[in-house]
Amino acid sequence: MDMTLKPEELTLDEAKIREAKRFDGYYTIITNNLTLTTAEVCDIYRGLWRIEERLRMLKSDLRVRPDFVWRDAHIQGHFLMCYVSLCLLRYRQYLLEKHHPIRCSAEKLMHAIKEPLALV
C-alpha cells in the first residue's frame, strides 16, 4: 500500500478554515458537566495552571519518572511517594515564606537540601 501524498491530491477545506477562524483569539472550553455555570467553568479552568506547574515540578525538579514500575501496587506506591515528595517540598516553601522573607523556587530548595550551606 502506497502512503505517499501527491501535491495535486491535496486540498484545503475552506469551510472548515472559515469555521475555525471564528474562534481566533478566543479560548474554547468544553465540559461535560452541564450543572456548572459559565463562570464556574472559567474559574476551574483558571486554576489548571497550578496543576500543570506541579506536574512540571515533579518531572523537572524531583525528576519523577515511572521507571521499572509495572504492577498496580508498585505504580500506586510510586505515585504516593511522588505526591508526598511534592507535598513536603511545597510545605517547606510555605514555611520559608511564612517565617522568613524568603521566596524560594523548587529548584533552589532542592539544591539547598542537597547542599545545606548553599543559601548562606
Protein backbone atom coordinates (compact mmCIF):
# COMPACT_ATOMS: atom_id res chain seq x y z
CA MET A 1 0.00 0.00 0.00
CA ASP A 2 1.50 3.33 -1.08
CA MET A 3 1.19 6.01 1.64
CA THR A 4 2.92 8.76 -0.33
CA LEU A 5 0.98 12.01 -0.67
CA LYS A 6 0.93 13.73 -4.02
CA PRO A 7 0.67 17.55 -4.03
CA GLU A 8 -2.03 17.52 -6.71
CA GLU A 9 -4.24 15.37 -4.46
CA LEU A 10 -4.08 17.78 -1.51
CA THR A 11 -6.90 20.29 -0.98
CA LEU A 12 -7.87 22.78 1.70
CA ASP A 13 -11.34 22.65 3.24
CA GLU A 14 -12.15 26.37 3.05
CA ALA A 15 -15.39 25.95 5.03
CA LYS A 16 -13.53 24.37 7.97
CA ILE A 17 -10.90 27.13 7.83
CA ARG A 18 -13.63 29.83 7.98
CA GLU A 19 -15.33 27.99 10.87
CA ALA A 20 -12.08 27.71 12.84
CA LYS A 21 -11.22 31.35 12.11
CA ARG A 22 -14.33 32.47 14.01
CA PHE A 23 -12.61 31.41 17.24
CA ASP A 24 -9.23 33.07 16.60
CA GLY A 25 -8.25 34.99 19.72
CA TYR A 26 -10.70 33.11 21.96
CA TYR A 27 -10.32 30.16 24.29
CA THR A 28 -12.87 27.42 23.86
CA ILE A 29 -13.60 25.40 26.98
CA ILE A 30 -15.56 22.19 26.63
CA THR A 31 -17.07 20.36 29.59
CA ASN A 32 -19.49 17.51 30.07
CA ASN A 33 -20.68 18.90 33.42
CA LEU A 34 -23.89 20.69 32.49
CA THR A 35 -24.68 21.73 36.08
CA LEU A 36 -21.85 24.30 36.23
CA THR A 37 -22.33 27.91 35.20
CA THR A 38 -20.04 29.53 32.66
CA ALA A 39 -18.33 31.48 35.47
CA GLU A 40 -17.70 28.28 37.46
CA VAL A 41 -16.20 26.51 34.45
CA CYS A 42 -13.93 29.52 33.80
CA ASP A 43 -12.82 29.60 37.47
CA ILE A 44 -11.90 25.92 37.34
CA TYR A 45 -10.02 26.44 34.08
CA ARG A 46 -8.09 29.38 35.55
CA GLY A 47 -6.81 27.07 38.28
CA LEU A 48 -5.40 24.48 35.88
CA TRP A 49 -2.06 26.29 35.68
CA ARG A 50 -1.39 25.20 39.27
CA ILE A 51 -1.79 21.55 38.35
CA GLU A 52 0.38 21.95 35.26
CA GLU A 53 3.05 23.78 37.28
CA ARG A 54 3.14 20.99 39.86
CA LEU A 55 3.43 18.33 37.18
CA ARG A 56 6.32 20.25 35.63
CA MET A 57 7.95 20.41 39.07
CA LEU A 58 7.54 16.67 39.52
CA LYS A 59 9.14 15.98 36.14
CA SER A 60 11.97 18.51 36.31
CA ASP A 61 12.92 19.31 39.92
CA LEU A 62 12.02 15.99 41.51
CA ARG A 63 12.93 14.04 38.35
CA VAL A 64 9.90 11.78 38.70
CA ARG A 65 9.82 9.04 36.10
CA PRO A 66 7.84 5.79 36.31
CA ASP A 67 10.90 3.66 35.54
CA PHE A 68 10.72 -0.06 36.17
CA VAL A 69 7.20 0.04 37.61
CA TRP A 70 4.70 -2.46 36.17
CA ARG A 71 2.42 -3.83 38.86
CA ASP A 72 -0.55 -1.82 40.10
CA ALA A 73 0.69 -1.83 43.69
CA HIS A 74 4.10 -0.56 42.58
CA ILE A 75 2.55 2.15 40.39
CA GLN A 76 0.38 3.29 43.30
CA GLY A 77 3.37 3.27 45.64
CA HIS A 78 5.43 5.25 43.13
CA PHE A 79 2.64 7.79 42.75
CA LEU A 80 2.27 8.08 46.53
CA MET A 81 6.00 8.71 47.00
CA CYS A 82 5.96 11.36 44.27
CA TYR A 83 2.91 13.03 45.81
CA VAL A 84 4.41 13.01 49.32
CA SER A 85 7.67 14.46 47.95
CA LEU A 86 5.77 17.24 46.23
CA CYS A 87 3.74 17.96 49.38
CA LEU A 88 6.87 18.14 51.53
CA LEU A 89 8.60 20.44 49.05
CA ARG A 90 5.58 22.75 48.86
CA TYR A 91 5.19 22.76 52.65
CA ARG A 92 8.83 23.74 53.05
CA GLN A 93 8.34 26.58 50.58
CA TYR A 94 5.28 27.69 52.57
CA LEU A 95 7.24 27.66 55.85
CA LEU A 96 10.09 29.67 54.33
CA GLU A 97 7.67 32.32 53.08
CA LYS A 98 5.71 32.40 56.34
CA HIS A 99 8.61 32.65 58.80
CA HIS A 100 11.29 34.32 56.69
CA PRO A 101 11.15 36.79 53.85
CA ILE A 102 12.46 34.07 51.55
CA ARG A 103 10.71 33.14 48.35
CA CYS A 104 12.49 30.10 47.03
CA SER A 105 11.94 28.16 43.81
CA ALA A 106 11.63 24.40 43.98
CA GLU A 107 14.93 24.09 42.13
CA LYS A 108 16.78 26.29 44.66
CA LEU A 109 15.17 24.49 47.57
CA MET A 110 16.18 21.09 46.19
CA HIS A 111 19.73 22.38 45.79
CA ALA A 112 19.69 23.72 49.36
CA ILE A 113 18.53 20.33 50.67
CA LYS A 114 21.41 18.64 48.87
CA GLU A 115 23.92 21.36 49.79
CA PRO A 116 22.91 22.74 53.23
CA LEU A 117 25.23 25.76 53.09
CA ALA A 118 24.05 26.82 49.61
CA LEU A 119 21.68 29.56 50.84
CA VAL A 120 24.16 31.03 53.34
